[in-house]
PDB file of N, CA and C in Angstrom:
ATOM      1  N   MET A   1       0.841  -1.195   0.000  1.00  0.00           N
ATOM      2  CA  MET A   1       0.000   0.000  -0.002  1.00  0.00           C
ATOM      3  C   MET A   1       0.877   1.242  -0.001  1.00  0.00           C
ATOM      4  N   PHE A   2       0.333   2.292  -0.509  1.00  0.00           N
ATOM      5  CA  PHE A   2       1.037   3.557  -0.631  1.00  0.00           C
ATOM      6  C   PHE A   2       0.503   4.523   0.410  1.00  0.00           C
ATOM      7  N   ALA A   3       1.356   4.924   1.332  1.00  0.00           N
ATOM      8  CA  ALA A   3       0.984   5.893   2.366  1.00  0.00           C
ATOM      9  C   ALA A   3      -0.304   5.478   3.084  1.00  0.00           C
ATOM     10  N   SER A   4      -0.411   4.215   3.418  1.00  0.00           N
ATOM     11  CA  SER A   4      -1.561   3.673   4.155  1.00  0.00           C
ATOM     12  C   SER A   4      -2.878   3.794   3.411  1.00  0.00           C
ATOM     13  N   LYS A   5      -2.831   3.896   2.109  1.00  0.00           N
ATOM     14  CA  LYS A   5      -4.055   3.983   1.314  1.00  0.00           C
ATOM     15  C   LYS A   5      -4.087   2.841   0.310  1.00  0.00           C
ATOM     16  N   ASP A   6      -5.283   2.326   0.066  1.00  0.00           N
ATOM     17  CA  ASP A   6      -5.441   1.315  -0.975  1.00  0.00           C
ATOM     18  C   ASP A   6      -5.316   1.983  -2.340  1.00  0.00           C
ATOM     19  N   VAL A   7      -4.640   1.319  -3.239  1.00  0.00           N
ATOM     20  CA  VAL A   7      -4.446   1.848  -4.588  1.00  0.00           C
ATOM     21  C   VAL A   7      -5.133   0.917  -5.572  1.00  0.00           C
ATOM     22  N   ARG A   8      -5.930   1.483  -6.469  1.00  0.00           N
ATOM     23  CA  ARG A   8      -6.584   0.703  -7.521  1.00  0.00           C
ATOM     24  C   ARG A   8      -6.021   1.129  -8.860  1.00  0.00           C
ATOM     25  N   VAL A   9      -5.866   0.173  -9.742  1.00  0.00           N
ATOM     26  CA  VAL A   9      -5.446   0.458 -11.113  1.00  0.00           C
ATOM     27  C   VAL A   9      -6.623   0.118 -12.006  1.00  0.00           C
ATOM     28  N   LEU A  10      -7.120   1.118 -12.723  1.00  0.00           N
ATOM     29  CA  LEU A  10      -8.281   0.925 -13.583  1.00  0.00           C
ATOM     30  C   LEU A  10      -7.856   0.977 -15.041  1.00  0.00           C
ATOM     31  N   LEU A  11      -8.366   0.044 -15.809  1.00  0.00           N
ATOM     32  CA  LEU A  11      -8.161   0.060 -17.248  1.00  0.00           C
ATOM     33  C   LEU A  11      -9.463   0.507 -17.888  1.00  0.00           C
ATOM     34  N   LYS A  12      -9.357   1.405 -18.860  1.00  0.00           N
ATOM     35  CA  LYS A  12     -10.552   1.932 -19.503  1.00  0.00           C
ATOM     36  C   LYS A  12     -10.433   1.783 -21.010  1.00  0.00           C
ATOM     37  N   GLY A  13     -11.563   1.756 -21.660  1.00  0.00           N
ATOM     38  CA  GLY A  13     -11.615   1.770 -23.120  1.00  0.00           C
ATOM     39  C   GLY A  13     -10.891   0.608 -23.763  1.00  0.00           C
ATOM     40  N   GLN A  14     -10.047   0.934 -24.731  1.00  0.00           N
ATOM     41  CA  GLN A  14      -9.346  -0.085 -25.500  1.00  0.00           C
ATOM     42  C   GLN A  14      -8.391  -0.892 -24.625  1.00  0.00           C
ATOM     43  N   ALA A  15      -7.787  -0.273 -23.617  1.00  0.00           N
ATOM     44  CA  ALA A  15      -6.877  -0.994 -22.727  1.00  0.00           C
ATOM     45  C   ALA A  15      -7.630  -2.107 -21.991  1.00  0.00           C
ATOM     46  N   LYS A  16      -8.828  -1.795 -21.517  1.00  0.00           N
ATOM     47  CA  LYS A  16      -9.635  -2.790 -20.809  1.00  0.00           C
ATOM     48  C   LYS A  16     -10.055  -3.920 -21.744  1.00  0.00           C
ATOM     49  N   GLU A  17     -10.503  -3.549 -22.941  1.00  0.00           N
ATOM     50  CA  GLU A  17     -10.927  -4.553 -23.914  1.00  0.00           C
ATOM     51  C   GLU A  17      -9.779  -5.479 -24.292  1.00  0.00           C
ATOM     52  N   SER A  18      -8.613  -4.907 -24.523  1.00  0.00           N
ATOM     53  CA  SER A  18      -7.436  -5.708 -24.891  1.00  0.00           C
ATOM     54  C   SER A  18      -7.020  -6.629 -23.759  1.00  0.00           C
ATOM     55  N   PHE A  19      -7.055  -6.125 -22.529  1.00  0.00           N
ATOM     56  CA  PHE A  19      -6.698  -6.928 -21.361  1.00  0.00           C
ATOM     57  C   PHE A  19      -7.632  -8.124 -21.226  1.00  0.00           C
ATOM     58  N   LEU A  20      -8.929  -7.884 -21.382  1.00  0.00           N
ATOM     59  CA  LEU A  20      -9.902  -8.964 -21.272  1.00  0.00           C
ATOM     60  C   LEU A  20      -9.728  -9.986 -22.396  1.00  0.00           C
ATOM     61  N   GLU A  21      -9.388  -9.514 -23.576  1.00  0.00           N
ATOM     62  CA  GLU A  21      -9.146 -10.419 -24.704  1.00  0.00           C
ATOM     63  C   GLU A  21      -7.910 -11.280 -24.437  1.00  0.00           C
ATOM     64  N   LEU A  22      -6.874 -10.696 -23.873  1.00  0.00           N
ATOM     65  CA  LEU A  22      -5.662 -11.457 -23.541  1.00  0.00           C
ATOM     66  C   LEU A  22      -5.964 -12.552 -22.522  1.00  0.00           C
ATOM     67  N   LYS A  23      -6.851 -12.252 -21.571  1.00  0.00           N
ATOM     68  CA  LYS A  23      -7.199 -13.246 -20.552  1.00  0.00           C
ATOM     69  C   LYS A  23      -7.902 -14.461 -21.162  1.00  0.00           C
ATOM     70  N   LYS A  24      -8.598 -14.265 -22.272  1.00  0.00           N
ATOM     71  CA  LYS A  24      -9.320 -15.355 -22.928  1.00  0.00           C
ATOM     72  C   LYS A  24      -8.397 -16.262 -23.726  1.00  0.00           C
ATOM     73  N   ARG A  25      -7.277 -15.723 -24.187  1.00  0.00           N
ATOM     74  CA  ARG A  25      -6.388 -16.466 -25.070  1.00  0.00           C
ATOM     75  C   ARG A  25      -5.402 -17.317 -24.272  1.00  0.00           C
ATOM     76  N   ASN A  26      -4.968 -18.424 -24.866  1.00  0.00           N
ATOM     77  CA  ASN A  26      -4.080 -19.347 -24.172  1.00  0.00           C
ATOM     78  C   ASN A  26      -2.706 -19.485 -24.818  1.00  0.00           C
ATOM     79  N   ASP A  27      -2.450 -18.740 -25.902  1.00  0.00           N
ATOM     80  CA  ASP A  27      -1.153 -18.892 -26.548  1.00  0.00           C
ATOM     81  C   ASP A  27      -0.050 -18.246 -25.695  1.00  0.00           C
ATOM     82  N   LYS A  28       1.167 -18.693 -25.916  1.00  0.00           N
ATOM     83  CA  LYS A  28       2.299 -18.279 -25.087  1.00  0.00           C
ATOM     84  C   LYS A  28       2.553 -16.773 -25.150  1.00  0.00           C
ATOM     85  N   GLN A  29       2.452 -16.199 -26.338  1.00  0.00           N
ATOM     86  CA  GLN A  29       2.698 -14.771 -26.503  1.00  0.00           C
ATOM     87  C   GLN A  29       1.689 -13.930 -25.713  1.00  0.00           C
ATOM     88  N   SER A  30       0.424 -14.321 -25.755  1.00  0.00           N
ATOM     89  CA  SER A  30      -0.621 -13.605 -25.015  1.00  0.00           C
ATOM     90  C   SER A  30      -0.399 -13.715 -23.519  1.00  0.00           C
ATOM     91  N   GLN A  31      -0.031 -14.902 -23.058  1.00  0.00           N
ATOM     92  CA  GLN A  31       0.194 -15.102 -21.631  1.00  0.00           C
ATOM     93  C   GLN A  31       1.413 -14.320 -21.143  1.00  0.00           C
ATOM     94  N   THR A  32       2.451 -14.235 -21.974  1.00  0.00           N
ATOM     95  CA  THR A  32       3.631 -13.456 -21.616  1.00  0.00           C
ATOM     96  C   THR A  32       3.271 -11.980 -21.469  1.00  0.00           C
ATOM     97  N   LEU A  33       2.498 -11.463 -22.412  1.00  0.00           N
ATOM     98  CA  LEU A  33       2.071 -10.076 -22.367  1.00  0.00           C
ATOM     99  C   LEU A  33       1.163  -9.825 -21.160  1.00  0.00           C
ATOM    100  N   LEU A  34       0.247 -10.733 -20.897  1.00  0.00           N
ATOM    101  CA  LEU A  34      -0.657 -10.616 -19.758  1.00  0.00           C
ATOM    102  C   LEU A  34       0.131 -10.597 -18.445  1.00  0.00           C
ATOM    103  N   ASN A  35       1.131 -11.465 -18.327  1.00  0.00           N
ATOM    104  CA  ASN A  35       1.953 -11.484 -17.114  1.00  0.00           C
ATOM    105  C   ASN A  35       2.725 -10.180 -16.943  1.00  0.00           C
ATOM    106  N   SER A  36       3.197  -9.612 -18.029  1.00  0.00           N
ATOM    107  CA  SER A  36       3.913  -8.333 -17.969  1.00  0.00           C
ATOM    108  C   SER A  36       2.985  -7.215 -17.492  1.00  0.00           C
ATOM    109  N   ILE A  37       1.771  -7.207 -17.993  1.00  0.00           N
ATOM    110  CA  ILE A  37       0.789  -6.197 -17.578  1.00  0.00           C
ATOM    111  C   ILE A  37       0.467  -6.351 -16.096  1.00  0.00           C
ATOM    112  N   LYS A  38       0.264  -7.578 -15.651  1.00  0.00           N
ATOM    113  CA  LYS A  38      -0.040  -7.823 -14.236  1.00  0.00           C
ATOM    114  C   LYS A  38       1.126  -7.398 -13.341  1.00  0.00           C
ATOM    115  N   ARG A  39       2.361  -7.604 -13.815  1.00  0.00           N
ATOM    116  CA  ARG A  39       3.535  -7.215 -13.038  1.00  0.00           C
ATOM    117  C   ARG A  39       3.580  -5.691 -12.877  1.00  0.00           C
ATOM    118  N   ILE A  40       3.298  -4.961 -13.951  1.00  0.00           N
ATOM    119  CA  ILE A  40       3.289  -3.500 -13.876  1.00  0.00           C
ATOM    120  C   ILE A  40       2.151  -3.017 -12.980  1.00  0.00           C
ATOM    121  N   ILE A  41       1.009  -3.658 -13.037  1.00  0.00           N
ATOM    122  CA  ILE A  41      -0.107  -3.292 -12.151  1.00  0.00           C
ATOM    123  C   ILE A  41       0.310  -3.463 -10.704  1.00  0.00           C
ATOM    124  N   ASP A  42       0.993  -4.565 -10.373  1.00  0.00           N
ATOM    125  CA  ASP A  42       1.472  -4.778  -9.008  1.00  0.00           C
ATOM    126  C   ASP A  42       2.470  -3.700  -8.589  1.00  0.00           C
ATOM    127  N   ILE A  43       3.356  -3.321  -9.511  1.00  0.00           N
ATOM    128  CA  ILE A  43       4.319  -2.261  -9.212  1.00  0.00           C
ATOM    129  C   ILE A  43       3.597  -0.949  -8.938  1.00  0.00           C
ATOM    130  N   LEU A  44       2.585  -0.629  -9.748  1.00  0.00           N
ATOM    131  CA  LEU A  44       1.828   0.608  -9.559  1.00  0.00           C
ATOM    132  C   LEU A  44       1.052   0.609  -8.252  1.00  0.00           C
ATOM    133  N   LYS A  45       0.577  -0.545  -7.826  1.00  0.00           N
ATOM    134  CA  LYS A  45      -0.138  -0.629  -6.549  1.00  0.00           C
ATOM    135  C   LYS A  45       0.807  -0.362  -5.383  1.00  0.00           C
ATOM    136  N   GLU A  46       2.044  -0.805  -5.504  1.00  0.00           N
ATOM    137  CA  GLU A  46       3.036  -0.576  -4.457  1.00  0.00           C
ATOM    138  C   GLU A  46       3.571   0.857  -4.489  1.00  0.00           C
ATOM    139  N   ASN A  47       3.708   1.412  -5.691  1.00  0.00           N
ATOM    140  CA  ASN A  47       4.281   2.748  -5.844  1.00  0.00           C
ATOM    141  C   ASN A  47       3.593   3.473  -6.999  1.00  0.00           C
ATOM    142  N   PRO A  48       2.511   4.209  -6.721  1.00  0.00           N
ATOM    143  CA  PRO A  48       1.773   4.895  -7.782  1.00  0.00           C
ATOM    144  C   PRO A  48       2.591   5.965  -8.508  1.00  0.00           C
ATOM    145  N   GLN A  49       3.714   6.350  -7.949  1.00  0.00           N
ATOM    146  CA  GLN A  49       4.553   7.366  -8.579  1.00  0.00           C
ATOM    147  C   GLN A  49       5.606   6.744  -9.488  1.00  0.00           C
ATOM    148  N   PHE A  50       5.505   5.457  -9.738  1.00  0.00           N
ATOM    149  CA  PHE A  50       6.434   4.753 -10.615  1.00  0.00           C
ATOM    150  C   PHE A  50       6.371   5.337 -12.015  1.00  0.00           C
ATOM    151  N   GLY A  51       7.505   5.471 -12.648  1.00  0.00           N
ATOM    152  CA  GLY A  51       7.550   5.947 -14.025  1.00  0.00           C
ATOM    153  C   GLY A  51       8.094   7.350 -14.123  1.00  0.00           C
ATOM    154  N   ASP A  52       7.981   7.905 -15.287  1.00  0.00           N
ATOM    155  CA  ASP A  52       8.504   9.242 -15.552  1.00  0.00           C
ATOM    156  C   ASP A  52       7.444  10.288 -15.249  1.00  0.00           C
ATOM    157  N   PRO A  53       7.830  11.346 -14.524  1.00  0.00           N
ATOM    158  CA  PRO A  53       6.854  12.411 -14.252  1.00  0.00           C
ATOM    159  C   PRO A  53       6.511  13.180 -15.522  1.00  0.00           C
ATOM    160  N   ILE A  54       5.274  13.647 -15.586  1.00  0.00           N
ATOM    161  CA  ILE A  54       4.802  14.424 -16.734  1.00  0.00           C
ATOM    162  C   ILE A  54       4.418  15.806 -16.225  1.00  0.00           C
ATOM    163  N   ALA A  55       4.884  16.836 -16.905  1.00  0.00           N
ATOM    164  CA  ALA A  55       4.534  18.201 -16.518  1.00  0.00           C
ATOM    165  C   ALA A  55       3.018  18.363 -16.548  1.00  0.00           C
ATOM    166  N   LYS A  56       2.479  18.996 -15.519  1.00  0.00           N
ATOM    167  CA  LYS A  56       1.026  19.132 -15.410  1.00  0.00           C
ATOM    168  C   LYS A  56       0.422  19.877 -16.597  1.00  0.00           C
ATOM    169  N   ARG A  57       1.172  20.798 -17.178  1.00  0.00           N
ATOM    170  CA  ARG A  57       0.654  21.548 -18.319  1.00  0.00           C
ATOM    171  C   ARG A  57       0.491  20.662 -19.553  1.00  0.00           C
ATOM    172  N   LEU A  58       1.100  19.478 -19.527  1.00  0.00           N
ATOM    173  CA  LEU A  58       1.015  18.568 -20.663  1.00  0.00           C
ATOM    174  C   LEU A  58      -0.128  17.559 -20.557  1.00  0.00           C
ATOM    175  N   ILE A  59      -0.876  17.603 -19.443  1.00  0.00           N
ATOM    176  CA  ILE A  59      -2.005  16.688 -19.277  1.00  0.00           C
ATOM    177  C   ILE A  59      -3.107  17.109 -20.243  1.00  0.00           C
ATOM    178  N   PRO A  60      -3.501  16.243 -21.168  1.00  0.00           N
ATOM    179  CA  PRO A  60      -4.546  16.605 -22.140  1.00  0.00           C
ATOM    180  C   PRO A  60      -5.875  16.941 -21.461  1.00  0.00           C
ATOM    181  N   LYS A  61      -6.586  17.867 -22.050  1.00  0.00           N
ATOM    182  CA  LYS A  61      -7.868  18.298 -21.478  1.00  0.00           C
ATOM    183  C   LYS A  61      -8.875  17.158 -21.360  1.00  0.00           C
ATOM    184  N   VAL A  62      -8.793  16.174 -22.248  1.00  0.00           N
ATOM    185  CA  VAL A  62      -9.727  15.052 -22.203  1.00  0.00           C
ATOM    186  C   VAL A  62      -9.589  14.302 -20.864  1.00  0.00           C
ATOM    187  N   TYR A  63      -8.373  14.211 -20.325  1.00  0.00           N
ATOM    188  CA  TYR A  63      -8.179  13.548 -19.032  1.00  0.00           C
ATOM    189  C   TYR A  63      -8.624  14.444 -17.893  1.00  0.00           C
ATOM    190  N   GLN A  64      -8.441  15.733 -18.049  1.00  0.00           N
ATOM    191  CA  GLN A  64      -8.901  16.655 -17.016  1.00  0.00           C
ATOM    192  C   GLN A  64     -10.415  16.562 -16.872  1.00  0.00           C
ATOM    193  N   LYS A  65     -11.122  16.363 -17.984  1.00  0.00           N
ATOM    194  CA  LYS A  65     -12.576  16.229 -17.955  1.00  0.00           C
ATOM    195  C   LYS A  65     -13.008  14.930 -17.269  1.00  0.00           C
ATOM    196  N   GLN A  66     -12.114  13.934 -17.240  1.00  0.00           N
ATOM    197  CA  GLN A  66     -12.430  12.653 -16.612  1.00  0.00           C
ATOM    198  C   GLN A  66     -12.114  12.664 -15.119  1.00  0.00           C
ATOM    199  N   GLY A  67     -11.719  13.814 -14.602  1.00  0.00           N
ATOM    200  CA  GLY A  67     -11.498  13.918 -13.168  1.00  0.00           C
ATOM    201  C   GLY A  67     -10.043  13.997 -12.758  1.00  0.00           C
ATOM    202  N   ILE A  68      -9.129  13.954 -13.702  1.00  0.00           N
ATOM    203  CA  ILE A  68      -7.723  14.110 -13.368  1.00  0.00           C
ATOM    204  C   ILE A  68      -7.448  15.599 -13.371  1.00  0.00           C
ATOM    205  N   LYS A  69      -7.088  16.109 -12.206  1.00  0.00           N
ATOM    206  CA  LYS A  69      -6.947  17.558 -12.055  1.00  0.00           C
ATOM    207  C   LYS A  69      -5.504  17.916 -11.756  1.00  0.00           C
ATOM    208  N   LYS A  70      -5.195  19.163 -11.929  1.00  0.00           N
ATOM    209  CA  LYS A  70      -3.875  19.659 -11.604  1.00  0.00           C
ATOM    210  C   LYS A  70      -3.977  20.810 -10.594  1.00  0.00           C
ATOM    211  N   ASP A  71      -4.786  20.602  -9.564  1.00  0.00           N
ATOM    212  CA  ASP A  71      -4.990  21.612  -8.517  1.00  0.00           C
ATOM    213  C   ASP A  71      -3.908  21.491  -7.451  1.00  0.00           C
ATOM    214  N   ASN A  72      -3.464  22.597  -6.927  1.00  0.00           N
ATOM    215  CA  ASN A  72      -2.553  22.649  -5.789  1.00  0.00           C
ATOM    216  C   ASN A  72      -1.336  21.755  -5.947  1.00  0.00           C
ATOM    217  N   GLY A  73      -0.824  21.627  -7.143  1.00  0.00           N
ATOM    218  CA  GLY A  73       0.384  20.850  -7.355  1.00  0.00           C
ATOM    219  C   GLY A  73       0.188  19.357  -7.358  1.00  0.00           C
ATOM    220  N   THR A  74      -1.052  18.884  -7.339  1.00  0.00           N
ATOM    221  CA  THR A  74      -1.301  17.441  -7.381  1.00  0.00           C
ATOM    222  C   THR A  74      -2.096  17.090  -8.615  1.00  0.00           C
ATOM    223  N   ILE A  75      -1.961  15.867  -8.999  1.00  0.00           N
ATOM    224  CA  ILE A  75      -2.746  15.388 -10.151  1.00  0.00           C
ATOM    225  C   ILE A  75      -3.905  14.596  -9.624  1.00  0.00           C
TER     226      ILE A  75
END
């Protein structure tokens, strides 16, 4: 957990559809990709700040409309 808070990783749109499709398939390539995605999800749950920071001014307006804000220095 991150700072005593539960962290959820949500997949939306095409990412969610692709993830669900991978879960249905049994070929080795699909399973390898699925395991990689699950590993990154686990990393994000442990450390939501994982990855490269993005300047707040570069956050597209479409994401701001979905509730991702850049108020008071936080996203």
